N, C-alpha and C. Protein backbone atom coordinates (compact mmCIF):
# COMPACT_ATOMS: atom_id res chain seq x y z
N UNK A 1 0.83 -1.20 0.00
CA UNK A 1 0.00 0.00 0.00
C UNK A 1 0.87 1.26 0.00
N UNK A 2 0.37 2.29 -0.66
CA UNK A 2 1.07 3.56 -0.69
C UNK A 2 0.07 4.70 -0.83
N UNK A 3 0.51 5.89 -0.47
CA UNK A 3 -0.33 7.09 -0.57
C UNK A 3 0.44 8.18 -1.29
N UNK A 4 -0.29 8.98 -2.06
CA UNK A 4 0.31 10.15 -2.70
C UNK A 4 -0.58 11.36 -2.41
N UNK A 5 0.06 12.51 -2.27
CA UNK A 5 -0.67 13.73 -1.87
C UNK A 5 -1.22 14.52 -3.03
N UNK A 6 -0.72 14.25 -4.24
CA UNK A 6 -1.19 14.98 -5.41
C UNK A 6 -1.15 14.07 -6.63
N UNK A 7 -1.86 14.45 -7.67
CA UNK A 7 -1.84 13.68 -8.91
C UNK A 7 -0.42 13.70 -9.46
N UNK A 8 0.12 12.53 -9.71
CA UNK A 8 1.51 12.44 -10.18
C UNK A 8 1.76 11.09 -10.84
N UNK A 9 2.87 11.01 -11.53
CA UNK A 9 3.29 9.74 -12.10
C UNK A 9 3.83 8.83 -11.01
N UNK A 10 3.45 7.58 -11.08
CA UNK A 10 3.88 6.58 -10.09
C UNK A 10 4.49 5.41 -10.85
N UNK A 11 5.63 4.94 -10.36
CA UNK A 11 6.26 3.78 -10.97
C UNK A 11 6.72 2.83 -9.87
N UNK A 12 6.37 1.56 -10.02
CA UNK A 12 6.83 0.53 -9.09
C UNK A 12 7.47 -0.58 -9.91
N UNK A 13 8.76 -0.82 -9.65
CA UNK A 13 9.52 -1.86 -10.33
C UNK A 13 9.96 -2.91 -9.32
N UNK A 14 10.07 -4.16 -9.77
CA UNK A 14 10.59 -5.26 -8.96
C UNK A 14 11.96 -5.63 -9.51
N UNK A 15 12.94 -5.79 -8.60
CA UNK A 15 14.31 -6.14 -8.97
C UNK A 15 14.74 -7.41 -8.26
N UNK A 16 15.65 -8.16 -8.88
CA UNK A 16 16.24 -9.32 -8.21
C UNK A 16 17.46 -8.86 -7.41
N UNK A 17 18.10 -9.79 -6.71
CA UNK A 17 19.24 -9.42 -5.86
C UNK A 17 20.45 -8.95 -6.66
N UNK A 18 20.48 -9.24 -7.96
CA UNK A 18 21.57 -8.78 -8.82
C UNK A 18 21.30 -7.36 -9.33
N UNK A 19 20.15 -6.80 -8.98
CA UNK A 19 19.82 -5.45 -9.41
C UNK A 19 19.17 -5.36 -10.77
N UNK A 20 18.81 -6.50 -11.33
CA UNK A 20 18.15 -6.53 -12.64
C UNK A 20 16.65 -6.34 -12.46
N UNK A 21 16.05 -5.48 -13.29
CA UNK A 21 14.61 -5.28 -13.20
C UNK A 21 13.92 -6.54 -13.69
N UNK A 22 13.03 -7.06 -12.87
CA UNK A 22 12.28 -8.28 -13.18
C UNK A 22 10.96 -7.92 -13.84
N UNK A 23 10.30 -6.89 -13.29
CA UNK A 23 8.98 -6.52 -13.82
C UNK A 23 8.62 -5.11 -13.35
N UNK A 24 7.86 -4.41 -14.17
CA UNK A 24 7.27 -3.12 -13.79
C UNK A 24 5.82 -3.38 -13.44
N UNK A 25 5.44 -3.07 -12.20
CA UNK A 25 4.06 -3.31 -11.75
C UNK A 25 3.14 -2.14 -12.09
N UNK A 26 3.64 -0.93 -11.92
CA UNK A 26 2.85 0.27 -12.20
C UNK A 26 3.76 1.28 -12.89
N UNK A 27 3.25 1.92 -13.92
CA UNK A 27 3.94 3.04 -14.57
C UNK A 27 2.86 3.91 -15.18
N UNK A 28 2.22 4.73 -14.33
CA UNK A 28 1.09 5.53 -14.77
C UNK A 28 0.87 6.72 -13.86
N UNK A 29 0.04 7.63 -14.29
CA UNK A 29 -0.33 8.77 -13.47
C UNK A 29 -1.52 8.37 -12.61
N UNK A 30 -1.45 8.70 -11.33
CA UNK A 30 -2.53 8.38 -10.40
C UNK A 30 -2.96 9.63 -9.66
N UNK A 31 -4.23 9.67 -9.29
CA UNK A 31 -4.78 10.78 -8.51
C UNK A 31 -4.33 10.67 -7.06
N UNK A 32 -4.41 11.78 -6.33
CA UNK A 32 -4.06 11.77 -4.91
C UNK A 32 -4.93 10.75 -4.18
N UNK A 33 -4.33 10.08 -3.20
CA UNK A 33 -5.08 9.11 -2.42
C UNK A 33 -4.22 7.95 -1.95
N UNK A 34 -4.87 6.97 -1.32
CA UNK A 34 -4.20 5.77 -0.84
C UNK A 34 -4.54 4.61 -1.76
N UNK A 35 -3.56 3.77 -2.02
CA UNK A 35 -3.74 2.65 -2.94
C UNK A 35 -3.27 1.35 -2.29
N UNK A 36 -4.06 0.32 -2.44
CA UNK A 36 -3.72 -1.00 -1.93
C UNK A 36 -3.85 -2.06 -3.02
N UNK A 37 -4.00 -1.62 -4.26
CA UNK A 37 -4.28 -2.53 -5.37
C UNK A 37 -3.04 -3.08 -6.08
N UNK A 38 -1.88 -2.95 -5.47
CA UNK A 38 -0.65 -3.41 -6.12
C UNK A 38 -0.38 -4.85 -5.71
N UNK A 39 -0.28 -5.72 -6.71
CA UNK A 39 0.00 -7.13 -6.46
C UNK A 39 1.03 -7.62 -7.48
N UNK A 40 1.92 -8.46 -7.02
CA UNK A 40 2.88 -9.10 -7.92
C UNK A 40 2.61 -10.59 -7.87
N UNK A 41 2.42 -11.19 -9.02
CA UNK A 41 2.07 -12.61 -9.08
C UNK A 41 3.29 -13.53 -9.20
N UNK A 42 4.49 -12.99 -9.01
CA UNK A 42 5.69 -13.82 -9.04
C UNK A 42 6.17 -14.16 -10.44
N UNK A 43 5.79 -13.34 -11.41
CA UNK A 43 6.24 -13.57 -12.78
C UNK A 43 7.09 -12.40 -13.25
N UNK A 44 7.89 -12.66 -14.29
CA UNK A 44 8.71 -11.60 -14.85
C UNK A 44 7.94 -10.86 -15.94
N UNK A 45 8.62 -9.99 -16.67
CA UNK A 45 7.97 -9.16 -17.69
C UNK A 45 7.39 -9.98 -18.84
N UNK A 46 7.89 -11.21 -19.04
CA UNK A 46 7.38 -12.06 -20.12
C UNK A 46 6.27 -12.99 -19.63
N UNK A 47 5.97 -12.95 -18.33
CA UNK A 47 4.94 -13.81 -17.77
C UNK A 47 5.45 -15.13 -17.24
N UNK A 48 6.76 -15.33 -17.31
CA UNK A 48 7.36 -16.57 -16.80
C UNK A 48 7.53 -16.49 -15.29
N UNK A 49 7.27 -17.58 -14.58
CA UNK A 49 7.46 -17.57 -13.12
C UNK A 49 8.92 -17.38 -12.75
N UNK A 50 9.16 -16.63 -11.68
CA UNK A 50 10.52 -16.44 -11.18
C UNK A 50 10.74 -17.36 -9.98
N UNK A 51 11.98 -17.55 -9.61
CA UNK A 51 12.33 -18.44 -8.49
C UNK A 51 11.98 -17.79 -7.15
N UNK A 52 11.75 -18.64 -6.16
CA UNK A 52 11.58 -18.15 -4.79
C UNK A 52 12.86 -17.46 -4.37
N UNK A 53 12.74 -16.45 -3.53
CA UNK A 53 13.94 -15.77 -3.05
C UNK A 53 13.65 -14.34 -2.65
N UNK A 54 14.72 -13.58 -2.49
CA UNK A 54 14.64 -12.18 -2.08
C UNK A 54 14.56 -11.29 -3.31
N UNK A 55 13.64 -10.35 -3.28
CA UNK A 55 13.47 -9.37 -4.34
C UNK A 55 13.31 -7.99 -3.69
N UNK A 56 13.45 -6.97 -4.48
CA UNK A 56 13.30 -5.60 -4.01
C UNK A 56 12.27 -4.90 -4.89
N UNK A 57 11.50 -4.01 -4.29
CA UNK A 57 10.62 -3.18 -5.11
C UNK A 57 10.96 -1.73 -4.87
N UNK A 58 10.89 -0.94 -5.93
CA UNK A 58 11.21 0.48 -5.85
C UNK A 58 9.98 1.27 -6.27
N UNK A 59 9.53 2.14 -5.37
CA UNK A 59 8.42 3.04 -5.62
C UNK A 59 8.99 4.43 -5.90
N UNK A 60 8.61 5.02 -7.02
CA UNK A 60 9.05 6.37 -7.37
C UNK A 60 7.83 7.20 -7.74
N UNK A 61 7.70 8.38 -7.10
CA UNK A 61 6.58 9.28 -7.38
C UNK A 61 6.94 10.69 -6.92
N UNK A 62 6.72 11.67 -7.77
CA UNK A 62 6.86 13.09 -7.43
C UNK A 62 8.18 13.42 -6.72
N UNK A 63 9.29 12.96 -7.27
CA UNK A 63 10.58 13.27 -6.67
C UNK A 63 10.92 12.42 -5.46
N UNK A 64 10.06 11.48 -5.11
CA UNK A 64 10.26 10.59 -3.96
C UNK A 64 10.61 9.21 -4.49
N UNK A 65 11.53 8.54 -3.83
CA UNK A 65 11.89 7.18 -4.20
C UNK A 65 12.16 6.37 -2.94
N UNK A 66 11.65 5.14 -2.93
CA UNK A 66 11.86 4.27 -1.77
C UNK A 66 12.01 2.84 -2.27
N UNK A 67 12.98 2.13 -1.72
CA UNK A 67 13.21 0.73 -2.07
C UNK A 67 13.04 -0.12 -0.83
N UNK A 68 12.32 -1.22 -0.97
CA UNK A 68 12.08 -2.15 0.14
C UNK A 68 12.34 -3.58 -0.31
N UNK A 69 12.68 -4.42 0.66
CA UNK A 69 12.94 -5.83 0.42
C UNK A 69 11.67 -6.64 0.60
N UNK A 70 11.54 -7.71 -0.18
CA UNK A 70 10.43 -8.66 0.01
C UNK A 70 10.93 -10.06 -0.32
N UNK A 71 10.24 -11.05 0.19
CA UNK A 71 10.60 -12.43 -0.03
C UNK A 71 9.46 -13.13 -0.75
N UNK A 72 9.79 -13.79 -1.86
CA UNK A 72 8.80 -14.55 -2.61
C UNK A 72 8.95 -16.02 -2.23
N UNK A 73 7.89 -16.59 -1.70
CA UNK A 73 7.86 -18.01 -1.33
C UNK A 73 6.82 -18.71 -2.18
N UNK A 74 7.18 -19.85 -2.70
CA UNK A 74 6.23 -20.62 -3.52
C UNK A 74 5.90 -21.92 -2.85
């Protein structure tokens, strides 16, 4: 979940531990508000399943950027 204070472009990318982008989850303009509709189904950009392990997601919006760790378990 994330919140934005004004209408702005939002981008959320998933990266593997090697720093390679696995998939872009969101790359669009969104209105101000709170969002909980972001889900990653454990697939890469081609739709192929990725291995269980540690991944990172990066949220970028309106000059703000944050990276967090997550674990994919199958």
